[in-house]
């Protein structure tokens, strides 16, 4: 602080400080301004936020409406089927492989890996940096209700 509102500001992209003008408001002044606006607009009700009252269900391909949880289950089943095809093609699985090929984030890819291991499709990790072994034959296709176990 240099005085009379002058300050030196050091932006992240510049290596040197820049002189800027600032204002100081005491806590008492801020409270006085807040009280003024509260009194002035005390009778007005705030407008609802734009997202309030939005639809909580989604339309899926067949035109039927499903809840978010049910939609995520269907989405997970689709991702699992795609993940199985990818790991059959690559003869093994890793979280980073699924991230790249399915274009998903780490948490979702890690959940898929855990689920694939639970289902007995891939084995446990062997060594750091190696793909998890595939435990199913190349021609294996999951039965229709396989993922709902």
Protein backbone atom coordinates (compact mmCIF):
# COMPACT_ATOMS: atom_id res chain seq x y z
CA UNK A 1 0.00 0.00 0.00
CA UNK A 2 1.48 3.31 -1.05
CA UNK A 3 -1.16 5.61 0.43
CA UNK A 4 -4.18 7.60 -0.79
CA UNK A 5 -5.59 4.57 -2.63
CA UNK A 6 -2.45 3.82 -4.65
CA UNK A 7 -1.37 0.19 -4.57
CA UNK A 8 1.16 -2.05 -6.22
CA UNK A 9 -0.41 -5.17 -7.76
CA UNK A 10 1.69 -8.11 -8.94
CA UNK A 11 -0.23 -9.98 -11.70
CA UNK A 12 0.67 -13.64 -12.25
CA UNK A 13 1.52 -13.10 -15.94
CA UNK A 14 3.84 -10.11 -15.40
CA UNK A 15 7.11 -10.22 -13.55
CA UNK A 16 6.82 -6.71 -12.16
CA UNK A 17 4.28 -4.84 -10.01
CA UNK A 18 1.69 -2.54 -11.59
CA UNK A 19 0.42 0.64 -9.91
CA UNK A 20 -3.37 0.55 -9.43
CA UNK A 21 -5.96 2.68 -7.64
CA UNK A 22 -8.00 1.03 -4.89
CA UNK A 23 -10.57 2.02 -2.30
CA UNK A 24 -10.82 1.10 1.36
CA UNK A 25 -14.17 0.50 3.02
CA UNK A 26 -14.31 -0.20 6.73
CA UNK A 27 -16.55 -2.99 8.05
CA UNK A 28 -18.90 -0.36 9.48
CA UNK A 29 -19.27 1.28 6.05
CA UNK A 30 -19.98 -2.07 4.37
CA UNK A 31 -22.63 -2.91 7.00
CA UNK A 32 -24.26 0.52 6.49
CA UNK A 33 -24.49 -0.03 2.72
CA UNK A 34 -25.94 -3.53 3.20
CA UNK A 35 -28.58 -2.20 5.62
CA UNK A 36 -29.51 0.53 3.11
CA UNK A 37 -30.14 -1.98 0.32
CA UNK A 38 -31.99 -4.39 2.62
CA UNK A 39 -34.33 -1.61 3.77
CA UNK A 40 -34.82 -0.22 0.27
CA UNK A 41 -35.82 -3.57 -1.28
CA UNK A 42 -37.29 -5.35 1.77
CA UNK A 43 -40.72 -5.78 0.09
CA UNK A 44 -39.41 -7.34 -3.12
CA UNK A 45 -39.19 -11.09 -3.43
CA UNK A 46 -36.19 -12.40 -5.34
CA UNK A 47 -36.86 -14.09 -8.67
CA UNK A 48 -36.43 -17.85 -8.60
CA UNK A 49 -33.13 -19.13 -9.89
CA UNK A 50 -33.23 -20.18 -13.57
CA UNK A 51 -32.56 -23.83 -12.73
CA UNK A 52 -35.42 -24.12 -10.21
CA UNK A 53 -38.30 -26.18 -11.50
CA UNK A 54 -36.22 -27.87 -14.19
CA UNK A 55 -37.11 -31.37 -15.28
CA UNK A 56 -35.56 -34.05 -13.08
CA UNK A 57 -36.09 -36.85 -15.58
CA UNK A 58 -34.54 -37.35 -18.98
CA UNK A 59 -35.97 -38.59 -22.25
CA UNK A 60 -34.13 -41.62 -23.60
CA UNK A 61 -34.08 -42.99 -27.13
CA UNK A 62 -37.41 -44.83 -26.95
CA UNK A 63 -39.17 -41.66 -25.80
CA UNK A 64 -39.82 -43.01 -22.31
CA UNK A 65 -38.89 -40.88 -19.33
CA UNK A 66 -36.40 -42.17 -16.78
CA UNK A 67 -34.96 -40.82 -13.54
CA UNK A 68 -31.31 -39.77 -13.34
CA UNK A 69 -30.33 -42.90 -11.36
CA UNK A 70 -31.92 -45.22 -13.92
CA UNK A 71 -30.32 -43.24 -16.76
CA UNK A 72 -26.90 -43.58 -15.12
CA UNK A 73 -27.42 -47.36 -14.79
CA UNK A 74 -28.17 -47.63 -18.52
CA UNK A 75 -25.20 -45.39 -19.26
CA UNK A 76 -22.94 -47.57 -17.08
CA UNK A 77 -24.10 -50.71 -18.89
CA UNK A 78 -23.28 -49.10 -22.25
CA UNK A 79 -19.84 -48.05 -20.97
CA UNK A 80 -19.19 -51.54 -19.61
CA UNK A 81 -20.04 -53.10 -22.98
CA UNK A 82 -17.74 -50.62 -24.77
CA UNK A 83 -14.99 -51.21 -22.19
CA UNK A 84 -15.20 -54.99 -22.74
CA UNK A 85 -14.76 -54.52 -26.49
CA UNK A 86 -11.75 -52.26 -25.90
CA UNK A 87 -10.01 -54.60 -23.47
CA UNK A 88 -10.64 -57.60 -25.76
CA UNK A 89 -9.04 -55.65 -28.61
CA UNK A 90 -6.03 -54.64 -26.44
CA UNK A 91 -5.80 -58.01 -24.62
CA UNK A 92 -5.83 -56.30 -21.21
CA UNK A 93 -7.16 -53.33 -19.27
CA UNK A 94 -5.96 -50.26 -17.45
CA UNK A 95 -7.66 -47.17 -16.11
CA UNK A 96 -5.72 -44.88 -18.44
CA UNK A 97 -6.59 -47.04 -21.47
CA UNK A 98 -10.32 -46.70 -20.69
CA UNK A 99 -9.91 -42.97 -20.06
CA UNK A 100 -8.35 -42.44 -23.48
CA UNK A 101 -10.56 -44.76 -25.52
CA UNK A 102 -13.90 -43.89 -23.86
CA UNK A 103 -13.00 -40.22 -23.30
CA UNK A 104 -14.03 -40.30 -19.66
CA UNK A 105 -12.43 -39.04 -16.45
CA UNK A 106 -10.34 -41.00 -13.98
CA UNK A 107 -13.09 -41.63 -11.39
CA UNK A 108 -15.46 -43.19 -13.93
CA UNK A 109 -12.66 -45.23 -15.54
CA UNK A 110 -11.53 -46.50 -12.12
CA UNK A 111 -15.13 -47.51 -11.26
CA UNK A 112 -15.35 -49.38 -14.58
CA UNK A 113 -12.09 -51.23 -13.82
CA UNK A 114 -13.40 -52.19 -10.35
CA UNK A 115 -16.71 -53.38 -11.84
CA UNK A 116 -14.95 -55.40 -14.57
CA UNK A 117 -12.84 -57.09 -11.90
CA UNK A 118 -15.98 -57.83 -9.80
CA UNK A 119 -17.61 -59.43 -12.86
CA UNK A 120 -14.54 -61.62 -13.42
CA UNK A 121 -13.71 -60.11 -16.82
CA UNK A 122 -10.25 -58.85 -15.84
CA UNK A 123 -7.83 -59.99 -13.17
CA UNK A 124 -6.23 -58.01 -10.35
CA UNK A 125 -3.31 -55.69 -11.10
CA UNK A 126 -0.03 -57.55 -11.57
CA UNK A 127 2.77 -54.99 -11.84
CA UNK A 128 2.87 -51.25 -12.10
CA UNK A 129 2.47 -50.03 -15.67
CA UNK A 130 1.18 -53.34 -17.06
CA UNK A 131 -2.30 -54.05 -18.36
CA UNK A 132 -4.58 -56.13 -16.15
CA UNK A 133 -4.99 -59.60 -17.67
CA UNK A 134 -8.12 -60.49 -19.61
CA UNK A 135 -9.90 -63.50 -18.05
CA UNK A 136 -12.46 -64.13 -20.81
CA UNK A 137 -12.03 -65.70 -24.27
CA UNK A 138 -11.91 -63.41 -27.32
CA UNK A 139 -15.28 -64.62 -28.61
CA UNK A 140 -17.09 -64.14 -25.26
CA UNK A 141 -20.25 -62.02 -25.36
CA UNK A 142 -22.03 -60.95 -22.16
CA UNK A 143 -25.54 -62.39 -21.62
CA UNK A 144 -28.36 -59.78 -21.64
CA UNK A 145 -28.71 -59.49 -17.82
CA UNK A 146 -25.01 -59.98 -17.04
CA UNK A 147 -24.38 -56.39 -15.83
CA UNK A 148 -27.31 -56.30 -13.40
CA UNK A 149 -25.78 -58.96 -11.13
